């Protein structure tokens, strides 16, 4: 249940800048934020949900350990196992981007993690570059794939304008607090008619969340302490709005279907029986038809 609170200490919606918001009490409780000084709120105008107050730069850095423990705690499965399983999906993304661009080029991956995504592009003949704040991930990427990355954020990275044909944010944008400023800065780094590739969770909006009930939802958010890894909670409509207002033309938006890789919190369903797999595929397919899949994939072109 949402309780209107009007203006909350000057808090502005990070998407539309409106200052009238409501507290999402049930989501705040679900993410164990009660008593943490933070809560999930919703803009009463555009209905965009976000964390308030947002995390500081120090908070964000502290979420990433010097090894992979953060990922293990968050998704319940070793991150390297998940990344390896997603390589075929990354190949599909690479093929789709090459089809849109009409050639290979230079790609920048924001939050490139262990480099698995970029490794697919490198093997396909692309010139690859990454930005990553985790030292453990950066060392792994260079050791295993020969892909060096810059230790920086979007705000601190010093890159030439129009130096990339494609920029990707693979499960990164939901961790940031200033989406419009981020997209506009990336637009400066993109070449004329360059492509922006974004994937974010369809969090709180996906079909599995909506039909799972209280017990099921608690299983999805089963960490013992406050869960504030994500600061922004996009729907396909909100993501399109952000891109359209930031100088991009949206070429494609889709949510996950039965062909998509297993989402993080359902990763172990690859080890369950055939009937459960069929049920999962049916739910994901139905979700994708109504933009209720668990992941949002969006490809957009920079407007001249």
Protein backbone atom coordinates (compact mmCIF):
# COMPACT_ATOMS: atom_id res chain seq x y z
CA UNK A 1 0.00 0.00 0.00
CA UNK A 2 1.32 3.44 -0.89
CA UNK A 3 0.96 6.38 1.45
CA UNK A 4 1.12 9.82 -0.22
CA UNK A 5 3.59 12.09 1.51
CA UNK A 6 3.84 14.94 -0.96
CA UNK A 7 7.25 16.58 -1.10
CA UNK A 8 9.78 14.59 0.91
CA UNK A 9 12.77 16.76 1.83
CA UNK A 10 12.94 18.07 -1.73
CA UNK A 11 13.25 14.57 -3.18
CA UNK A 12 12.86 14.65 -6.95
CA UNK A 13 11.99 11.73 -9.20
CA UNK A 14 15.19 10.77 -11.06
CA UNK A 15 13.15 10.24 -14.20
CA UNK A 16 10.74 13.19 -14.48
CA UNK A 17 12.03 15.47 -11.66
CA UNK A 18 8.59 15.74 -10.02
CA UNK A 19 8.74 16.15 -6.25
CA UNK A 20 5.48 14.50 -5.24
CA UNK A 21 6.19 10.93 -4.15
CA UNK A 22 4.61 8.18 -2.09
CA UNK A 23 6.23 5.60 0.17
CA UNK A 24 5.89 1.99 -0.97
CA UNK A 25 5.56 0.42 2.46
CA UNK A 26 5.17 -3.19 1.32
CA UNK A 27 8.24 -3.03 -0.93
CA UNK A 28 10.22 -1.26 1.78
CA UNK A 29 9.40 -4.09 4.16
CA UNK A 30 10.07 -6.77 1.53
CA UNK A 31 13.58 -5.42 0.95
CA UNK A 32 14.15 -5.25 4.72
CA UNK A 33 14.75 -1.49 4.62
CA UNK A 34 12.69 -0.65 7.70
CA UNK A 35 15.02 0.95 10.23
CA UNK A 36 17.77 1.43 7.63
CA UNK A 37 16.94 5.07 6.96
CA UNK A 38 15.97 4.21 3.38
CA UNK A 39 12.73 3.24 1.68
CA UNK A 40 11.23 2.51 -1.72
CA UNK A 41 9.19 5.42 -3.02
CA UNK A 42 7.11 6.03 -6.11
CA UNK A 43 6.67 9.21 -8.14
CA UNK A 44 2.97 10.07 -8.07
CA UNK A 45 3.27 11.52 -11.57
CA UNK A 46 5.13 9.03 -13.77
CA UNK A 47 4.86 6.09 -11.30
CA UNK A 48 8.61 5.41 -11.36
CA UNK A 49 9.89 3.59 -8.25
CA UNK A 50 13.28 4.28 -6.70
CA UNK A 51 15.33 4.06 -3.51
CA UNK A 52 15.28 7.08 -1.20
CA UNK A 53 17.68 8.42 -0.19
CA UNK A 54 20.03 7.20 -2.88
CA UNK A 55 23.34 5.52 -2.07
CA UNK A 56 26.51 7.56 -1.83
CA UNK A 57 29.52 6.76 -4.00
CA UNK A 58 31.12 5.16 -0.95
CA UNK A 59 28.04 2.99 -0.37
CA UNK A 60 28.19 1.73 -3.95
CA UNK A 61 31.91 0.95 -3.76
CA UNK A 62 31.41 -0.93 -0.51
CA UNK A 63 28.92 -3.29 -2.18
CA UNK A 64 31.72 -4.77 -4.27
CA UNK A 65 34.22 -6.93 -2.42
CA UNK A 66 37.74 -7.80 -3.50
CA UNK A 67 36.49 -11.24 -4.62
CA UNK A 68 33.23 -12.72 -5.86
CA UNK A 69 31.53 -12.98 -2.45
CA UNK A 70 29.14 -10.12 -3.24
CA UNK A 71 27.76 -11.94 -6.26
CA UNK A 72 27.49 -15.24 -4.36
CA UNK A 73 25.54 -13.60 -1.55
CA UNK A 74 23.23 -11.76 -3.89
CA UNK A 75 22.16 -14.45 -6.35
CA UNK A 76 22.89 -17.66 -4.45
CA UNK A 77 25.03 -19.05 -7.28
CA UNK A 78 28.70 -18.30 -8.07
CA UNK A 79 28.83 -15.41 -10.50
CA UNK A 80 31.37 -17.09 -12.77
CA UNK A 81 28.95 -19.98 -13.27
CA UNK A 82 26.17 -17.60 -14.25
CA UNK A 83 28.41 -15.61 -16.60
CA UNK A 84 29.61 -18.75 -18.37
CA UNK A 85 26.05 -19.99 -18.84
CA UNK A 86 25.11 -16.69 -20.47
CA UNK A 87 27.81 -16.78 -23.17
CA UNK A 88 25.38 -18.15 -25.82
CA UNK A 89 22.97 -15.33 -24.98
CA UNK A 90 25.78 -12.77 -25.27
CA UNK A 91 26.50 -14.20 -28.71
CA UNK A 92 22.87 -13.53 -29.68
CA UNK A 93 23.23 -9.94 -28.47
CA UNK A 94 26.46 -9.52 -30.43
CA UNK A 95 24.79 -10.82 -33.61
CA UNK A 96 21.81 -8.50 -33.10
CA UNK A 97 24.05 -5.46 -32.64
CA UNK A 98 26.15 -6.33 -35.69
CA UNK A 99 22.94 -6.70 -37.68
CA UNK A 100 21.74 -3.25 -36.62
CA UNK A 101 25.11 -1.54 -37.04
CA UNK A 102 25.93 -3.31 -40.29
CA UNK A 103 29.54 -3.89 -39.29
CA UNK A 104 31.90 -4.52 -36.41
CA UNK A 105 33.30 -1.60 -34.50
CA UNK A 106 34.41 -0.36 -31.11
CA UNK A 107 32.36 -1.20 -28.01
CA UNK A 108 32.51 0.12 -24.45
CA UNK A 109 30.92 -1.97 -21.69
CA UNK A 110 30.03 -0.01 -18.55
CA UNK A 111 30.38 -2.22 -15.47
CA UNK A 112 32.06 -4.93 -17.54
CA UNK A 113 32.53 -7.21 -14.49
CA UNK A 114 34.59 -10.29 -15.37
CA UNK A 115 34.67 -9.55 -19.09
CA UNK A 116 32.50 -12.45 -20.27
CA UNK A 117 30.23 -10.15 -22.29
CA UNK A 118 33.14 -8.34 -23.94
CA UNK A 119 34.95 -11.62 -24.64
CA UNK A 120 32.21 -12.55 -27.11
CA UNK A 121 32.67 -9.29 -29.00
CA UNK A 122 36.45 -9.60 -28.90
CA UNK A 123 36.25 -13.09 -30.40
CA UNK A 124 33.97 -11.71 -33.11
CA UNK A 125 36.57 -9.11 -34.12
CA UNK A 126 35.45 -6.04 -32.19
CA UNK A 127 37.73 -3.52 -30.50
CA UNK A 128 36.62 -3.78 -26.86
CA UNK A 129 36.98 -1.54 -23.82
CA UNK A 130 35.52 -1.82 -20.32
CA UNK A 131 34.86 0.27 -17.22
CA UNK A 132 34.66 -1.52 -13.86
CA UNK A 133 35.09 -0.49 -10.21
CA UNK A 134 35.72 -3.98 -8.80
CA UNK A 135 39.44 -4.79 -8.65
CA UNK A 136 38.70 -8.52 -8.49
CA UNK A 137 36.63 -8.36 -11.68
CA UNK A 138 39.16 -6.23 -13.51
CA UNK A 139 42.01 -8.64 -12.71
CA UNK A 140 39.92 -11.63 -13.79
CA UNK A 141 38.96 -9.98 -17.09
CA UNK A 142 42.55 -9.21 -18.00
CA UNK A 143 43.91 -12.57 -16.85
CA UNK A 144 41.29 -14.79 -18.49
CA UNK A 145 40.35 -12.82 -21.62
CA UNK A 146 43.16 -10.32 -22.12
CA UNK A 147 40.64 -7.50 -21.74
CA UNK A 148 41.94 -4.56 -19.68
CA UNK A 149 39.39 -2.23 -18.15
CA UNK A 150 39.45 1.22 -16.60
CA UNK A 151 38.81 1.56 -12.88
CA UNK A 152 36.29 4.38 -12.99
CA UNK A 153 32.63 5.29 -13.02
CA UNK A 154 30.64 7.01 -15.73
CA UNK A 155 31.16 10.29 -13.89
CA UNK A 156 34.94 9.94 -13.45
CA UNK A 157 35.97 8.22 -16.70
CA UNK A 158 37.85 10.50 -19.09
CA UNK A 159 37.09 9.26 -22.60
CA UNK A 160 37.11 11.09 -25.95
CA UNK A 161 33.80 12.16 -27.42
CA UNK A 162 32.41 10.06 -30.29
CA UNK A 163 34.97 7.31 -29.69
CA UNK A 164 32.65 4.26 -29.55
CA UNK A 165 30.18 2.73 -31.97
CA UNK A 166 28.33 0.84 -29.24
CA UNK A 167 28.03 1.31 -25.47
CA UNK A 168 26.44 -1.36 -23.31
CA UNK A 169 25.08 -1.30 -19.76
CA UNK A 170 24.35 -4.87 -18.75
CA UNK A 171 22.51 -4.74 -15.41
CA UNK A 172 24.18 -1.47 -14.42
CA UNK A 173 21.66 1.35 -14.86
CA UNK A 174 19.48 0.11 -11.98
CA UNK A 175 22.45 0.59 -9.61
CA UNK A 176 22.90 4.29 -10.43
CA UNK A 177 21.13 7.33 -9.01
CA UNK A 178 21.17 9.76 -11.97
CA UNK A 179 19.92 7.89 -15.05
CA UNK A 180 19.33 10.92 -17.27
CA UNK A 181 22.80 12.37 -16.63
CA UNK A 182 24.32 8.93 -17.25
CA UNK A 183 22.59 8.45 -20.60
CA UNK A 184 23.47 11.95 -21.75
CA UNK A 185 27.14 11.42 -20.90
CA UNK A 186 27.21 8.12 -22.75
CA UNK A 187 25.68 9.88 -25.73
CA UNK A 188 28.75 12.14 -25.85
CA UNK A 189 31.03 9.10 -26.12
CA UNK A 190 29.01 7.51 -28.91
CA UNK A 191 29.79 8.09 -32.57
CA UNK A 192 27.18 9.52 -34.88
CA UNK A 193 24.26 7.06 -35.09
CA UNK A 194 25.99 4.91 -32.43
CA UNK A 195 24.02 2.28 -30.54
CA UNK A 196 23.22 2.03 -26.84
CA UNK A 197 22.47 -1.46 -25.51
CA UNK A 198 20.80 -1.67 -22.10
CA UNK A 199 19.54 -4.57 -20.01
CA UNK A 200 17.91 -4.04 -16.60
CA UNK A 201 15.60 -6.06 -14.35
CA UNK A 202 11.88 -5.61 -14.88
CA UNK A 203 11.76 -5.56 -11.10
CA UNK A 204 8.40 -5.60 -9.26
CA UNK A 205 6.75 -5.51 -12.70
CA UNK A 206 7.50 -9.04 -13.94
CA UNK A 207 4.88 -11.75 -14.00
CA UNK A 208 6.71 -14.14 -11.68
CA UNK A 209 6.86 -11.45 -8.98
CA UNK A 210 3.22 -10.50 -9.45
CA UNK A 211 1.88 -14.06 -9.18
CA UNK A 212 4.29 -15.40 -6.57
CA UNK A 213 2.50 -14.04 -3.49
CA UNK A 214 4.08 -13.00 -0.21
CA UNK A 215 5.85 -16.31 0.43
CA UNK A 216 7.28 -16.45 -3.09
CA UNK A 217 8.39 -12.84 -2.99
CA UNK A 218 10.25 -13.36 0.25
CA UNK A 219 12.12 -16.24 -1.37
CA UNK A 220 13.24 -13.89 -4.16
CA UNK A 221 14.57 -11.40 -1.61
CA UNK A 222 16.13 -13.72 0.92
CA UNK A 223 19.22 -11.84 2.11
CA UNK A 224 19.30 -11.36 5.88
CA UNK A 225 19.94 -7.60 5.89
CA UNK A 226 18.75 -4.54 3.94
CA UNK A 227 18.65 -5.16 0.18
CA UNK A 228 19.62 -1.93 -1.55
CA UNK A 229 21.76 -3.14 -4.42
CA UNK A 230 19.26 -1.64 -6.87
CA UNK A 231 18.31 2.02 -6.67
CA UNK A 232 16.05 2.34 -9.73
CA UNK A 233 13.18 0.06 -10.73
CA UNK A 234 12.44 0.33 -14.44
CA UNK A 235 9.52 -0.85 -16.50
CA UNK A 236 9.80 -0.97 -20.32
CA UNK A 237 7.74 2.21 -20.51
CA UNK A 238 10.04 4.07 -18.13
CA UNK A 239 13.18 2.95 -19.95
CA UNK A 240 11.79 4.08 -23.31
CA UNK A 241 10.80 7.42 -21.79
CA UNK A 242 14.32 7.94 -20.42
CA UNK A 243 15.98 7.16 -23.75
CA UNK A 244 13.57 9.20 -25.87
CA UNK A 245 14.11 12.22 -23.63
CA UNK A 246 17.90 11.78 -23.73
CA UNK A 247 18.45 12.04 -27.47
CA UNK A 248 17.95 8.41 -28.51
CA UNK A 249 15.55 6.63 -30.81
CA UNK A 250 14.45 3.28 -29.38
CA UNK A 251 14.91 0.52 -31.96
CA UNK A 252 13.85 -2.46 -29.92
CA UNK A 253 12.46 -3.23 -26.47
CA UNK A 254 11.67 -6.72 -25.24
CA UNK A 255 11.37 -8.54 -21.99
CA UNK A 256 12.69 -12.03 -21.39
CA UNK A 257 10.92 -15.03 -22.89
CA UNK A 258 11.37 -18.76 -22.57
CA UNK A 259 14.40 -18.50 -24.89
CA UNK A 260 16.22 -16.11 -22.55
CA UNK A 261 18.87 -17.27 -20.09
CA UNK A 262 17.68 -18.26 -16.64
CA UNK A 263 17.41 -15.14 -14.44
CA UNK A 264 19.81 -14.96 -11.53
CA UNK A 265 17.40 -15.82 -8.75
CA UNK A 266 16.01 -18.77 -10.75
CA UNK A 267 19.38 -20.00 -11.94
CA UNK A 268 19.17 -23.33 -10.14
CA UNK A 269 15.97 -24.21 -11.96
CA UNK A 270 18.26 -25.63 -14.67
CA UNK A 271 18.65 -28.55 -12.25
CA UNK A 272 14.97 -29.19 -11.60
CA UNK A 273 12.59 -31.60 -13.32
CA UNK A 274 11.10 -31.30 -16.78
CA UNK A 275 7.64 -30.29 -15.55
CA UNK A 276 9.04 -27.39 -13.52
CA UNK A 277 11.08 -26.25 -16.52
CA UNK A 278 7.96 -26.34 -18.69
CA UNK A 279 6.04 -24.26 -16.14
CA UNK A 280 8.89 -21.75 -16.01
CA UNK A 281 9.04 -21.45 -19.78
CA UNK A 282 5.28 -20.98 -19.99
CA UNK A 283 5.28 -18.20 -17.41
CA UNK A 284 8.23 -16.41 -19.04
CA UNK A 285 6.65 -16.67 -22.49
CA UNK A 286 3.36 -15.30 -21.19
CA UNK A 287 5.23 -12.52 -19.43
CA UNK A 288 7.11 -11.53 -22.55
CA UNK A 289 3.86 -11.10 -24.48
CA UNK A 290 2.72 -8.40 -22.05
CA UNK A 291 6.16 -6.89 -21.31
CA UNK A 292 6.10 -8.72 -17.98
CA UNK A 293 9.26 -10.77 -18.46
CA UNK A 294 11.94 -10.56 -15.79
CA UNK A 295 14.57 -8.71 -17.82
CA UNK A 296 14.24 -5.67 -20.10
CA UNK A 297 16.49 -5.54 -23.16
CA UNK A 298 16.58 -2.28 -25.07
CA UNK A 299 18.55 -1.19 -28.11
CA UNK A 300 18.57 2.50 -29.05
CA UNK A 301 20.30 4.66 -31.65
CA UNK A 302 21.78 8.06 -30.99
CA UNK A 303 19.87 10.74 -32.85
CA UNK A 304 21.97 13.00 -35.04
